[in-house]
Protein backbone atom coordinates (compact mmCIF):
# COMPACT_ATOMS: atom_id res chain seq x y z
CA MET A 1 0.00 0.00 0.00
CA ALA A 2 1.00 3.62 -0.53
CA HIS A 3 0.17 6.57 1.70
CA LEU A 4 -1.19 10.06 1.01
CA ARG A 5 -2.16 12.92 3.30
CA ILE A 6 -5.02 14.83 1.68
CA ALA A 7 -6.11 18.32 2.70
CA LEU A 8 -9.70 19.26 1.84
CA ALA A 9 -10.04 23.07 1.85
CA GLN A 10 -13.68 23.64 2.75
CA THR A 11 -13.68 27.34 1.95
CA ASN A 12 -15.94 30.34 1.30
CA PRO A 13 -15.09 32.11 -1.99
CA VAL A 14 -16.72 35.31 -3.28
CA VAL A 15 -18.23 35.29 -6.76
CA GLY A 16 -16.23 37.48 -9.12
CA ASP A 17 -13.44 38.31 -6.65
CA LEU A 18 -10.70 36.45 -8.49
CA ALA A 19 -7.82 38.17 -6.69
CA ALA A 20 -9.19 37.54 -3.20
CA ASN A 21 -10.06 33.93 -4.00
CA SER A 22 -6.54 33.36 -5.34
CA ALA A 23 -5.03 34.92 -2.21
CA LYS A 24 -7.21 32.64 -0.06
CA LEU A 25 -5.98 29.63 -2.03
CA LEU A 26 -2.37 30.57 -1.24
CA ASP A 27 -3.13 31.02 2.46
CA TRP A 28 -4.89 27.68 2.78
CA THR A 29 -2.25 25.88 0.72
CA ARG A 30 0.42 27.33 3.00
CA GLN A 31 -1.44 25.91 6.00
CA ALA A 32 -1.83 22.52 4.29
CA ALA A 33 1.88 22.43 3.50
CA ALA A 34 2.71 23.18 7.14
CA ASP A 35 0.46 20.25 8.10
CA GLY A 36 2.39 17.88 5.83
CA ALA A 37 -0.24 17.43 3.12
CA HIS A 38 0.66 15.74 -0.17
CA LEU A 39 -2.37 17.09 -2.08
CA VAL A 40 -4.73 20.04 -1.51
CA LEU A 41 -8.29 20.03 -2.83
CA PHE A 42 -10.30 23.21 -3.33
CA THR A 43 -13.94 23.43 -4.33
CA GLU A 44 -15.81 23.67 -7.63
CA MET A 45 -15.27 27.01 -9.46
CA PHE A 46 -13.35 28.25 -6.43
CA LEU A 47 -11.33 30.92 -8.23
CA ALA A 48 -14.39 32.41 -9.94
CA GLY A 49 -16.86 31.70 -7.15
CA TYR A 50 -20.06 29.71 -7.62
CA PRO A 51 -22.55 30.11 -9.16
CA VAL A 52 -21.31 32.72 -11.64
CA GLU A 53 -24.55 32.64 -13.65
CA ASP A 54 -24.36 34.92 -16.74
CA LEU A 55 -20.80 35.99 -15.90
CA ALA A 56 -19.91 32.70 -17.60
CA LEU A 57 -21.12 34.20 -20.88
CA ARG A 58 -18.90 37.29 -20.56
CA SER A 59 -15.61 36.70 -22.37
CA SER A 60 -13.74 39.25 -20.24
CA PHE A 61 -14.58 37.30 -17.08
CA VAL A 62 -13.62 33.95 -18.60
CA ASP A 63 -10.31 35.46 -19.75
CA ALA A 64 -9.67 36.81 -16.25
CA SER A 65 -10.46 33.43 -14.68
CA ILE A 66 -8.00 31.62 -16.95
CA ALA A 67 -5.32 34.25 -16.35
CA THR A 68 -5.86 34.06 -12.58
CA LEU A 69 -5.43 30.29 -12.68
CA GLU A 70 -2.06 30.59 -14.40
CA GLN A 71 -0.94 33.44 -12.13
CA THR A 72 -1.93 31.41 -9.08
CA ALA A 73 0.15 28.45 -10.25
CA ALA A 74 3.15 30.75 -10.67
CA ARG A 75 2.64 32.39 -7.26
CA LEU A 76 2.51 29.02 -5.53
CA ALA A 77 5.96 28.24 -6.91
CA GLU A 78 7.29 31.70 -6.08
CA GLU A 79 6.23 31.30 -2.46
CA GLY A 80 7.84 27.88 -2.07
CA LEU A 81 4.62 25.87 -2.42
CA GLY A 82 5.13 24.58 -5.95
CA GLU A 83 5.96 21.01 -4.92
CA LEU A 84 2.54 20.57 -3.30
CA PRO A 85 -0.09 19.71 -5.97
CA VAL A 86 -3.24 21.81 -5.74
CA LEU A 87 -6.57 20.94 -7.38
CA VAL A 88 -8.85 23.94 -7.86
CA GLY A 89 -12.07 24.75 -9.72
CA TYR A 90 -12.24 27.69 -12.13
CA LEU A 91 -14.06 28.97 -15.23
CA ASP A 92 -12.54 27.93 -18.57
CA ARG A 93 -13.68 27.68 -22.19
CA ALA A 94 -13.71 24.89 -24.76
CA ASP A 95 -12.07 25.25 -28.14
CA LEU A 96 -15.31 24.92 -30.06
CA ALA A 97 -16.67 26.79 -33.04
CA PRO A 98 -19.79 28.84 -32.22
CA ARG A 99 -23.10 27.17 -33.04
CA VAL A 100 -26.79 27.60 -32.32
CA GLY A 101 -27.81 26.15 -28.96
CA GLN A 102 -24.32 26.37 -27.47
CA PRO A 103 -23.61 28.90 -24.71
CA GLU A 104 -21.76 31.98 -25.95
CA GLY A 105 -18.01 31.32 -25.79
CA ALA A 106 -18.44 27.61 -24.87
CA PRO A 107 -17.63 28.06 -21.14
CA LEU A 108 -16.51 25.12 -19.01
CA ASP A 109 -17.09 24.37 -15.35
CA ALA A 110 -13.49 23.28 -15.02
CA ALA A 111 -10.90 22.04 -12.55
CA ALA A 112 -7.13 22.23 -12.86
CA LEU A 113 -4.14 20.66 -11.16
CA LEU A 114 -1.36 23.12 -10.29
CA HIS A 115 2.18 21.86 -9.70
CA ARG A 116 5.66 23.40 -9.87
CA GLY A 117 4.35 26.72 -11.15
CA LYS A 118 2.35 25.22 -14.01
CA VAL A 119 -1.16 24.08 -14.87
CA VAL A 120 -0.39 20.42 -15.46
CA THR A 121 -3.89 19.24 -16.39
CA ARG A 122 -7.39 20.59 -16.91
CA THR A 123 -10.75 18.88 -16.94
CA ALA A 124 -14.41 19.91 -16.91
CA LYS A 125 -17.75 18.77 -15.58
CA HIS A 126 -19.26 16.07 -17.80
CA HIS A 127 -22.84 16.03 -16.45
CA LEU A 128 -24.51 19.45 -16.47
CA GLN A 129 -27.37 19.79 -14.00
CA ASN A 130 -30.51 21.45 -15.29
CA TYR A 131 -33.01 21.05 -12.44
CA GLY A 132 -33.97 22.95 -9.31
CA VAL A 133 -31.75 26.01 -8.96
CA PHE A 134 -29.39 24.94 -11.76
CA ASP A 135 -29.36 26.17 -15.38
CA GLU A 136 -26.05 24.75 -16.49
CA TYR A 137 -27.04 24.01 -20.08
CA ARG A 138 -27.43 27.78 -20.37
CA TYR A 139 -23.89 28.40 -19.13
CA PHE A 140 -21.57 25.51 -19.95
CA VAL A 141 -20.62 22.86 -22.45
CA ARG A 142 -19.72 19.34 -21.37
CA GLY A 143 -16.25 18.05 -20.64
CA ASP A 144 -15.10 14.74 -22.08
CA ARG A 145 -11.81 13.98 -20.29
CA LEU A 146 -10.88 12.18 -17.10
CA PRO A 147 -7.37 13.02 -15.89
CA ILE A 148 -5.67 10.44 -13.69
CA PHE A 149 -2.38 11.59 -12.19
CA ARG A 150 0.09 9.46 -10.29
CA LEU A 151 1.10 11.00 -6.98
CA HIS A 152 3.62 9.18 -4.78
CA GLY A 153 2.67 5.93 -6.50
CA VAL A 154 -1.12 6.37 -6.25
CA ASP A 155 -3.34 7.00 -9.28
CA VAL A 156 -5.72 9.88 -8.49
CA ALA A 157 -8.76 10.60 -10.71
CA ILE A 158 -10.65 13.91 -10.93
CA ALA A 159 -14.41 14.40 -11.37
CA VAL A 160 -16.52 17.52 -10.78
CA CYS A 161 -19.65 17.77 -8.57
CA GLU A 162 -22.63 16.63 -10.68
CA ASP A 163 -20.50 13.87 -12.21
CA LEU A 164 -20.91 12.19 -8.83
CA TRP A 165 -24.68 12.62 -8.72
CA GLN A 166 -25.45 11.07 -12.12
CA ASP A 167 -25.01 7.49 -13.28
CA GLY A 168 -22.43 6.88 -15.98
CA GLY A 169 -19.81 9.40 -17.02
CA PRO A 170 -16.48 9.91 -15.24
CA VAL A 171 -17.30 7.91 -12.09
CA ALA A 172 -18.23 4.85 -14.16
CA VAL A 173 -14.96 5.19 -16.07
CA VAL A 174 -12.89 5.49 -12.87
CA GLY A 175 -13.78 1.90 -12.02
CA GLN A 176 -12.66 0.71 -15.45
CA ALA A 177 -9.46 2.77 -15.30
CA GLY A 178 -8.44 1.44 -11.90
CA ALA A 179 -7.65 4.60 -9.92
CA GLY A 180 -6.79 4.36 -6.24
CA LEU A 181 -8.46 7.64 -5.23
CA LEU A 182 -11.22 9.77 -6.76
CA VAL A 183 -11.23 13.47 -5.79
CA VAL A 184 -14.33 15.57 -6.40
CA PRO A 185 -14.57 19.37 -6.02
CA ASN A 186 -18.16 20.45 -5.31
CA ALA A 187 -20.45 23.42 -4.86
CA SER A 188 -23.47 21.54 -3.58
CA PRO A 189 -26.12 23.86 -2.03
CA TYR A 190 -27.77 23.16 1.29
CA GLU A 191 -31.33 22.07 1.76
CA ARG A 192 -32.89 20.29 4.71
CA GLU A 193 -31.65 16.72 5.38
CA LYS A 194 -29.32 16.75 2.37
CA ASP A 195 -26.33 15.60 4.47
CA ASP A 196 -27.79 12.09 4.78
CA VAL A 197 -28.41 11.90 1.03
CA ARG A 198 -24.89 13.19 0.34
CA LEU A 199 -23.14 10.61 2.53
CA GLU A 200 -25.11 7.73 1.02
CA LEU A 201 -24.26 8.97 -2.49
CA VAL A 202 -20.54 9.36 -1.79
CA ALA A 203 -20.37 5.90 -0.22
CA ARG A 204 -22.22 4.30 -3.15
CA ARG A 205 -20.01 5.98 -5.76
CA ALA A 206 -16.86 4.91 -3.93
CA ARG A 207 -18.03 1.29 -4.01
CA GLU A 208 -18.95 1.59 -7.70
CA ALA A 209 -15.55 3.09 -8.58
CA GLY A 210 -13.72 0.61 -6.34
CA CYS A 211 -11.57 3.31 -4.75
CA ALA A 212 -11.45 5.81 -1.90
CA LEU A 213 -13.29 9.06 -2.54
CA ALA A 214 -12.61 12.59 -1.25
CA TYR A 215 -15.55 14.98 -1.63
CA VAL A 216 -14.75 18.64 -0.84
CA ASN A 217 -17.69 21.05 -0.72
CA GLN A 218 -18.00 24.82 -0.67
CA VAL A 219 -19.28 26.70 2.37
CA GLY A 220 -20.93 30.12 2.53
CA GLY A 221 -23.86 32.17 1.31
CA GLN A 222 -24.33 33.38 -2.27
CA ASP A 223 -27.56 35.32 -2.79
CA GLU A 224 -30.31 32.73 -2.20
CA LEU A 225 -28.01 29.72 -2.01
CA ILE A 226 -26.32 28.45 1.14
CA PHE A 227 -23.41 26.03 0.92
CA ASP A 228 -22.99 23.95 4.03
CA GLY A 229 -19.57 22.35 3.60
CA ASP A 230 -19.96 18.83 4.99
CA SER A 231 -16.89 17.59 3.09
CA ILE A 232 -16.53 13.81 3.21
CA VAL A 233 -13.84 11.15 2.76
CA VAL A 234 -14.79 7.47 2.46
CA GLY A 235 -12.84 4.30 1.79
CA ALA A 236 -13.24 2.02 -1.22
CA ASP A 237 -15.80 0.06 0.79
CA GLY A 238 -17.88 3.20 1.32
CA GLU A 239 -17.10 3.41 5.02
CA LEU A 240 -16.79 6.95 6.41
CA VAL A 241 -13.18 7.94 7.13
CA ALA A 242 -13.41 11.68 7.82
CA ARG A 243 -16.02 14.43 7.71
CA ALA A 244 -15.80 18.20 8.07
CA GLY A 245 -18.20 20.37 10.04
CA GLN A 246 -21.22 22.19 8.64
CA PHE A 247 -21.50 25.89 7.78
CA ARG A 248 -17.90 26.66 8.74
CA GLU A 249 -14.63 26.96 6.85
CA GLU A 250 -12.27 24.10 7.69
CA LEU A 251 -9.11 22.41 6.46
CA LEU A 252 -9.90 18.71 6.78
CA LEU A 253 -6.77 16.54 6.89
CA VAL A 254 -6.89 12.80 6.37
CA ASP A 255 -4.25 10.09 5.93
CA LEU A 256 -5.16 7.36 3.46
CA ASP A 257 -3.65 3.95 2.75
CA LEU A 258 -4.14 3.41 -0.98
CA PRO A 259 -3.16 0.79 -3.58
CA VAL A 260 0.03 1.29 -5.56
CA ALA A 261 -0.66 2.07 -9.23
CA ASP A 262 0.26 -0.59 -11.78
CA ARG A 263 -1.01 0.77 -15.12
CA GLU A 264 1.06 2.48 -17.79
CA PRO A 265 0.66 6.22 -18.49
CA GLY A 266 -1.11 7.25 -21.69
CA LYS A 267 -4.51 7.96 -23.18
CA THR A 268 -7.39 5.50 -23.44
CA THR A 269 -11.01 6.09 -24.48
CA TYR A 270 -13.80 4.39 -22.53
CA ASP A 271 -17.55 4.00 -22.94
CA ALA A 272 -19.00 6.25 -20.21
CA GLY A 273 -22.23 4.27 -19.95
CA ASP A 274 -24.41 7.29 -20.71
CA GLY A 275 -24.18 7.31 -24.49
CA SER A 276 -20.87 9.18 -24.54
CA THR A 277 -17.18 8.35 -24.42
CA ILE A 278 -14.53 9.74 -22.10
CA THR A 279 -10.81 9.87 -22.72
CA VAL A 280 -8.66 8.95 -19.73
CA ASP A 281 -5.35 10.84 -19.71
CA ARG A 282 -3.02 9.06 -17.28
CA PHE A 283 0.27 10.77 -16.40
CA VAL A 284 2.89 10.78 -13.65
CA LEU A 285 3.75 13.50 -11.15
CA SER A 286 5.71 11.25 -8.80
CA SER A 287 6.13 7.46 -8.66
CA GLU A 288 7.90 6.83 -5.37
CA PRO A 289 5.61 6.09 -2.39
CA VAL A 290 6.09 8.10 0.78
CA THR A 291 5.72 7.21 4.44
CA ILE A 292 3.81 9.16 7.06
CA ASP A 293 5.74 9.25 10.31
CA SER A 294 3.00 10.72 12.53
CA PRO A 295 -0.42 9.64 11.24
CA ILE A 296 -3.36 11.96 11.86
CA THR A 297 -6.40 10.65 13.68
CA PRO A 298 -9.29 11.17 11.26
CA SER A 299 -11.81 13.82 12.29
CA ILE A 300 -15.53 13.10 11.97
CA ALA A 301 -17.46 16.23 12.94
CA PRO A 302 -20.77 15.66 14.72
CA ARG A 303 -23.92 16.36 12.71
CA LEU A 304 -26.30 19.15 13.63
CA ASP A 305 -29.93 18.20 14.19
CA ASP A 306 -32.51 19.35 11.65
CA VAL A 307 -33.55 22.57 13.40
CA ALA A 308 -29.96 23.52 14.25
CA GLU A 309 -29.01 22.98 10.62
CA VAL A 310 -31.74 25.29 9.37
CA TYR A 311 -30.93 27.98 11.92
CA SER A 312 -27.22 27.83 11.07
CA ALA A 313 -28.00 28.09 7.35
CA LEU A 314 -30.09 31.22 7.92
CA VAL A 315 -27.41 32.83 10.06
CA LEU A 316 -24.73 32.09 7.47
CA GLY A 317 -26.97 33.38 4.67
CA VAL A 318 -27.51 36.73 6.39
CA ARG A 319 -23.87 37.03 7.46
CA ASP A 320 -22.49 36.49 3.97
CA TYR A 321 -25.10 38.59 2.19
CA VAL A 322 -24.26 41.52 4.47
CA ALA A 323 -20.49 41.04 4.28
CA LYS A 324 -20.13 40.19 0.59
CA ASN A 325 -22.31 43.12 -0.47
CA GLY A 326 -20.47 45.61 1.71
CA PHE A 327 -23.17 46.55 4.24
CA GLU A 328 -22.16 47.67 7.72
CA SER A 329 -25.56 47.27 9.37
CA VAL A 330 -29.14 46.07 8.93
CA ILE A 331 -32.51 47.54 9.84
CA LEU A 332 -35.95 45.96 10.22
CA ALA A 333 -39.40 46.56 11.66
CA LEU A 334 -39.83 45.00 15.11
CA SER A 335 -43.48 44.43 15.96
CA GLY A 336 -43.30 42.18 18.99
CA GLY A 337 -44.54 39.27 16.88
CA ILE A 338 -42.68 36.05 16.26
CA ASP A 339 -41.54 36.68 12.67
CA SER A 340 -39.76 39.95 13.39
CA ALA A 341 -38.41 38.56 16.67
CA LEU A 342 -36.83 35.58 14.90
CA THR A 343 -35.48 37.75 12.08
CA THR A 344 -33.86 40.12 14.59
CA THR A 345 -32.33 37.19 16.43
CA ILE A 346 -30.90 35.67 13.25
CA ALA A 347 -29.43 39.04 12.31
CA SER A 348 -27.88 39.51 15.76
CA ASP A 349 -26.35 36.04 15.63
CA ALA A 350 -25.10 36.71 12.09
CA ILE A 351 -23.42 40.11 12.45
CA GLY A 352 -23.70 41.08 16.12
CA PRO A 353 -26.50 43.02 17.86
CA GLU A 354 -24.48 46.24 17.76
CA ARG A 355 -24.94 46.28 13.97
CA VAL A 356 -28.67 45.54 14.07
CA HIS A 357 -31.19 48.41 14.10
CA VAL A 358 -34.87 47.86 14.81
CA VAL A 359 -37.75 50.29 14.44
CA MET A 360 -40.93 49.91 16.48
CA MET A 361 -43.80 51.51 14.55
CA PRO A 362 -47.05 51.10 16.50
CA SER A 363 -50.31 52.10 14.83
CA ARG A 364 -53.78 52.79 16.24
CA TYR A 365 -54.43 49.03 16.19
CA SER A 366 -51.24 47.88 17.89
CA SER A 367 -51.80 46.11 21.19
CA GLU A 368 -49.95 47.19 24.30
CA HIS A 369 -48.05 43.90 24.45
CA SER A 370 -46.71 44.43 20.92
CA VAL A 371 -44.63 47.38 22.10
CA THR A 372 -43.67 45.79 25.42
CA ASP A 373 -42.65 42.49 23.76
CA ALA A 374 -40.54 44.41 21.25
CA GLU A 375 -38.93 46.46 24.03
CA GLU A 376 -38.19 43.26 25.96
CA LEU A 377 -36.41 41.76 22.96
CA VAL A 378 -34.34 44.96 22.59
CA ARG A 379 -33.38 44.72 26.26
CA ARG A 380 -32.37 41.06 25.98
CA GLN A 381 -30.35 41.36 22.79
CA GLY A 382 -28.92 44.88 23.02
CA VAL A 383 -29.83 45.87 19.46
CA ASN A 384 -30.19 49.53 18.47
CA SER A 385 -33.82 50.65 18.59
CA ARG A 386 -36.05 53.61 17.92
CA LEU A 387 -39.76 54.27 18.28
CA VAL A 388 -41.60 55.83 15.32
CA PRO A 389 -45.39 55.86 15.88
CA ILE A 390 -47.07 55.86 12.47
CA ASN A 391 -50.57 56.97 13.42
CA GLY A 392 -49.92 60.62 12.54
CA ILE A 393 -48.35 59.67 9.19
CA VAL A 394 -51.29 57.42 8.32
CA THR A 395 -53.75 60.15 9.32
CA ALA A 396 -51.97 62.62 7.05
CA PHE A 397 -52.45 60.24 4.13
CA GLU A 398 -56.09 59.72 5.00
CA LYS A 399 -56.73 63.48 4.93
CA GLU A 400 -55.75 63.55 1.27
CA ILE A 401 -57.14 60.24 0.00
CA GLU A 402 -59.99 58.11 1.32
CA LEU A 403 -59.10 54.44 1.75
CA THR A 404 -61.17 51.70 3.36
CA GLY A 405 -60.93 48.02 4.15
CA LEU A 406 -57.90 46.22 2.78
CA ALA A 407 -56.56 49.38 1.14
CA ALA A 408 -56.52 51.13 4.53
CA GLU A 409 -54.80 48.15 6.15
CA ASN A 410 -52.15 48.08 3.44
CA LEU A 411 -51.52 51.81 3.86
CA GLN A 412 -50.18 51.14 7.36
CA ALA A 413 -47.79 48.49 6.05
CA ARG A 414 -46.63 50.80 3.25
CA VAL A 415 -45.98 53.65 5.67
CA ARG A 416 -43.78 51.30 7.70
CA GLY A 417 -41.95 50.26 4.53
CA MET A 418 -41.42 53.90 3.62
CA VAL A 419 -39.98 54.67 7.07
CA LEU A 420 -37.54 51.77 6.84
CA MET A 421 -36.44 52.64 3.31
CA GLY A 422 -35.94 56.27 4.32
CA LEU A 423 -33.73 55.28 7.24
CA SER A 424 -31.89 52.84 4.97
CA ASN A 425 -31.15 55.62 2.48
CA GLU A 426 -30.08 57.98 5.24
CA HIS A 427 -27.77 55.62 7.13
CA GLY A 428 -26.82 52.91 4.63
CA HIS A 429 -28.56 50.05 6.45
CA LEU A 430 -29.66 46.93 4.59
CA VAL A 431 -33.42 46.50 5.10
CA LEU A 432 -34.44 43.00 6.16
CA THR A 433 -37.99 41.88 5.50
CA THR A 434 -39.69 39.61 8.02
CA GLY A 435 -42.21 37.61 5.97
CA ASN A 436 -42.26 33.81 6.22
CA LYS A 437 -42.95 31.24 3.50
CA SER A 438 -46.54 30.59 4.55
CA GLU A 439 -47.37 34.29 4.16
CA LEU A 440 -45.58 34.57 0.83
CA ALA A 441 -47.35 31.48 -0.46
CA THR A 442 -50.83 32.80 0.31
CA GLY A 443 -50.14 36.43 -0.60
CA TYR A 444 -50.40 37.66 2.99
CA SER A 445 -47.80 40.37 2.50
CA THR A 446 -48.20 43.94 1.34
CA LEU A 447 -46.45 44.87 -1.86
CA TYR A 448 -44.17 47.86 -1.18
CA GLY A 449 -45.04 47.51 2.50
CA ASP A 450 -43.69 44.63 4.59
CA SER A 451 -42.20 43.24 1.36
CA ALA A 452 -39.99 46.33 0.92
CA GLY A 453 -36.36 45.52 1.59
CA GLY A 454 -33.12 44.06 0.34
CA PHE A 455 -32.92 40.59 1.94
CA ALA A 456 -35.51 38.22 3.40
CA PRO A 457 -33.97 35.91 6.06
CA ILE A 458 -37.06 33.73 6.69
CA LYS A 459 -38.55 33.85 3.18
CA ASP A 460 -38.20 30.06 2.82
CA VAL A 461 -39.26 29.19 6.39
CA PRO A 462 -42.84 27.97 6.91
CA LYS A 463 -44.66 29.55 9.85
CA THR A 464 -44.65 26.35 11.91
CA MET A 465 -40.87 26.20 11.55
CA VAL A 466 -40.60 29.85 12.62
CA TRP A 467 -41.88 28.72 16.00
CA GLU A 468 -39.59 25.67 16.02
CA LEU A 469 -36.54 27.80 15.27
CA SER A 470 -37.46 30.33 17.93
CA ARG A 471 -37.84 27.68 20.60
CA TRP A 472 -34.59 26.05 19.50
CA ARG A 473 -32.66 29.33 19.71
CA ASN A 474 -34.07 30.06 23.16
CA ALA A 475 -32.68 26.70 24.29
CA HIS A 476 -29.28 26.83 22.51
CA THR A 477 -26.39 29.07 21.64
CA ASP A 478 -23.13 28.55 19.77
CA SER A 479 -19.67 30.11 19.89
CA TRP A 480 -20.04 30.67 16.16
CA PHE A 481 -22.92 33.11 16.75
CA ARG A 482 -22.01 36.77 17.18
CA MET A 483 -24.54 37.21 20.00
CA ASP A 484 -23.82 35.41 23.26
CA VAL A 485 -27.31 35.65 24.74
CA ALA A 486 -29.41 32.89 26.21
CA ARG A 487 -33.16 33.01 25.57
CA PRO A 488 -33.04 36.06 23.27
CA ILE A 489 -36.73 35.90 22.27
CA PRO A 490 -39.47 36.88 24.77
CA GLU A 491 -41.71 33.95 25.56
CA ASN A 492 -44.84 35.98 24.84
CA SER A 493 -43.68 36.58 21.25
CA ILE A 494 -43.60 32.80 20.80
CA THR A 495 -46.84 31.86 22.55
CA LYS A 496 -49.26 34.65 21.61
CA GLU A 497 -51.68 34.31 18.72
CA PRO A 498 -50.18 35.73 15.50
CA SER A 499 -51.74 38.91 14.09
CA ALA A 500 -50.82 41.57 11.55
CA GLU A 501 -52.62 44.14 13.78
CA LEU A 502 -53.91 46.15 10.81
CA ARG A 503 -57.52 46.29 12.09
CA PRO A 504 -59.22 45.88 15.49
CA ASP A 505 -58.83 42.44 17.11
CA GLN A 506 -57.30 40.95 13.96
CA SER A 507 -56.00 37.38 14.00
CA ASP A 508 -54.28 35.40 11.25
CA THR A 509 -56.85 32.62 11.65
CA ASP A 510 -59.64 35.04 10.72
CA SER A 511 -58.85 34.25 7.09
CA LEU A 512 -56.42 31.34 7.20
CA PRO A 513 -56.65 27.85 8.68
CA PRO A 514 -54.37 26.99 11.61
CA TYR A 515 -50.78 27.07 10.42
CA GLU A 516 -50.27 23.37 11.17
CA VAL A 517 -53.01 22.60 8.63
CA LEU A 518 -51.95 25.30 6.17
CA ASP A 519 -48.27 24.34 6.09
CA ARG A 520 -49.02 20.68 5.38
CA LEU A 521 -51.21 21.72 2.46
CA LEU A 522 -48.64 24.22 1.18
CA ASP A 523 -45.91 21.61 1.38
CA ASP A 524 -47.90 19.27 -0.83
CA TYR A 525 -48.91 21.96 -3.32
CA VAL A 526 -45.71 24.04 -3.51
CA GLU A 527 -42.95 21.57 -2.70
CA LYS A 528 -44.46 18.42 -4.19
CA ASP A 529 -46.42 20.06 -7.06
CA MET A 530 -49.59 18.06 -6.31
CA GLY A 531 -52.71 19.00 -8.25
CA SER A 532 -56.17 19.42 -6.72
CA ALA A 533 -57.19 15.79 -7.07
CA GLU A 534 -53.94 14.59 -5.54
CA LEU A 535 -54.28 17.02 -2.63
CA ILE A 536 -57.78 15.82 -1.86
CA ALA A 537 -56.68 12.20 -2.17
CA ALA A 538 -53.91 12.99 0.31
CA GLY A 539 -56.56 13.91 2.87
CA HIS A 540 -56.83 17.70 2.56
CA ASP A 541 -60.26 19.30 2.84
CA PRO A 542 -61.64 19.98 -0.69
CA ASP A 543 -62.95 23.48 0.11
CA LEU A 544 -59.67 24.43 1.75
CA VAL A 545 -57.72 23.05 -1.21
CA ALA A 546 -59.67 25.23 -3.63
CA ARG A 547 -59.27 28.34 -1.47
CA ILE A 548 -55.55 27.96 -0.77
CA ILE A 549 -54.67 27.08 -4.36
CA ARG A 550 -56.44 30.24 -5.49
CA LEU A 551 -54.51 32.35 -2.96
CA VAL A 552 -51.17 30.82 -3.95
CA ASP A 553 -51.76 31.19 -7.68
CA LEU A 554 -52.95 34.80 -7.50
CA ALA A 555 -49.93 35.89 -5.40
CA GLU A 556 -47.30 34.97 -7.99
CA TYR A 557 -46.81 38.61 -9.02
CA LYS A 558 -46.06 39.55 -5.41
CA ARG A 559 -43.49 36.81 -4.92
CA ARG A 560 -41.71 37.80 -8.13
CA GLN A 561 -41.03 41.22 -6.57
CA TYR A 562 -39.97 39.92 -3.14
CA PRO A 563 -36.33 40.25 -2.04
CA PRO A 564 -34.00 37.24 -2.17
CA GLY A 565 -33.63 35.08 0.90
CA PRO A 566 -31.80 31.91 1.99
CA LYS A 567 -33.00 28.65 0.42
CA ILE A 568 -33.51 25.88 2.96
CA THR A 569 -36.28 23.75 1.37
CA PRO A 570 -36.20 21.64 -1.79
CA LYS A 571 -38.34 24.24 -3.59
CA ASN A 572 -38.01 27.87 -2.57
CA PHE A 573 -39.86 30.85 -4.02
CA GLY A 574 -37.22 32.17 -6.37
CA ARG A 575 -34.69 30.10 -8.27
CA ASP A 576 -36.54 26.81 -7.71
CA ARG A 577 -40.17 27.63 -8.50
CA ARG A 578 -40.75 29.66 -11.65
CA LEU A 579 -44.37 30.00 -12.72
CA PRO A 580 -45.74 32.54 -15.18
CA ILE A 581 -47.41 35.58 -13.63
CA THR A 582 -49.82 35.87 -16.57
CA ASN A 583 -51.38 32.42 -16.34
CA ARG A 584 -54.99 31.30 -16.71
CA TRP A 585 -54.44 27.68 -15.71
CA ARG A 586 -56.37 26.85 -12.56
CA GLU A 587 -56.52 23.53 -10.74
CA THR A 588 -60.01 22.04 -10.62
CA THR A 589 -61.34 19.40 -8.26
């Protein structure tokens, strides 16, 4: 057997910041070298950031990505790190003539091996995902090569992200080609309970390929997407060897005993099992095996439970959106209700309560406990607060224009939105909206009112989970949070009946079923795409099905104008679910 120490750099790149991402690569490679690593693995599209979306179609950006790759290889050698091979993802282009149906410039979701100041091999993703949040047929062309490089006597194969998730392609060829280790850079977004699916997949692919597998995944927030890390190393039998933590940057080191390579270098073409062929390019970096004098005990980070996972994802999403877009502070409306209380808490944990500003804006219909609950949260968390009663502003509007019913209710919400946006313009705060997924689904948000803002932390969180998350946070804290406060949410905000307080004695259940009933129905209709007949067959009340479907369908224009927010479910409102606004199709029972 031969031995390799692999370093998996579970890192948080910034889309478009090629220079900073390259500098981060050097820093982490320097650390890996100090730890005695023989190979460093970075994530998918690390140098460019992921996802780059239409930047992939801009030739200037592709040129800059390729140039940064070559400059990074040279800098590694200049700084004495050239002997340590580094695998990194970047944006490249194929040498293809333009044609109809091919993305402009033929971009590639590529990975390269850097060694001794040079780019020694390049490859690209073979399977392009085109489901859920992914539009990769729009951006990339397919790769058709599988590099296998010999490192200290071990043959190491390279595949990219989706190539692991699909049958056939590079992983199928790895088994035929007889590699001892398969390394896979990934940018696999988080959604609930995906870590179990991911581990099972990695283990199955390792068994299929007949070799150990190192899966390194990105961490961090990028607009609506959250990347949770959870990098994994398994043996050829699929047994877990090492696993990184979730939602945190980490250099995961693992020592592997691997078979010594016995095949000759050269090129061979294989049937990929998916109707295509793949050329294996086998070459040698170093043939002599090495010994590891002081083996490292493999690290297997404990898994977070489901609610802790979701809460951590939301915190990371807010933290990175604020930091990567250059905001110093956030502002939101604090009503004393559970949605704004949870949003404030997430923001405080993400960036620190000293950078969170809340505005209490009671109206003529606000209950006394709304103000006192909001004031209690301010006291517990230490956020910045101000009181701006809106009754006089609403009255001034009503003197000039007569509004009744729903229009009058919405006026209050729009005045609050105007106050927040004014303070945002004046002080440079990022406005956070506080609407949850159940409200967005049914249209229970006011356009240009409570929907006005720049980021929506609980946009993808059903109302029932809002309560779950709030109870969880009152029972837990974490050194990773920027707010060291136990029980940050007043109990009354959690237990009282939810109300928008836009008319006397208003309650959410005046016009909606209990949230436990509503969220189950919304899950089946929105997440699972069930039609009316299927919903009724699943046990939902027929009259309620008809009413809720109508509410959801009619609110599409509102959701299209809602700010982005972290994706935590399999189908969020945004990149996942794209229905036409102008649409006369209606489900019938």
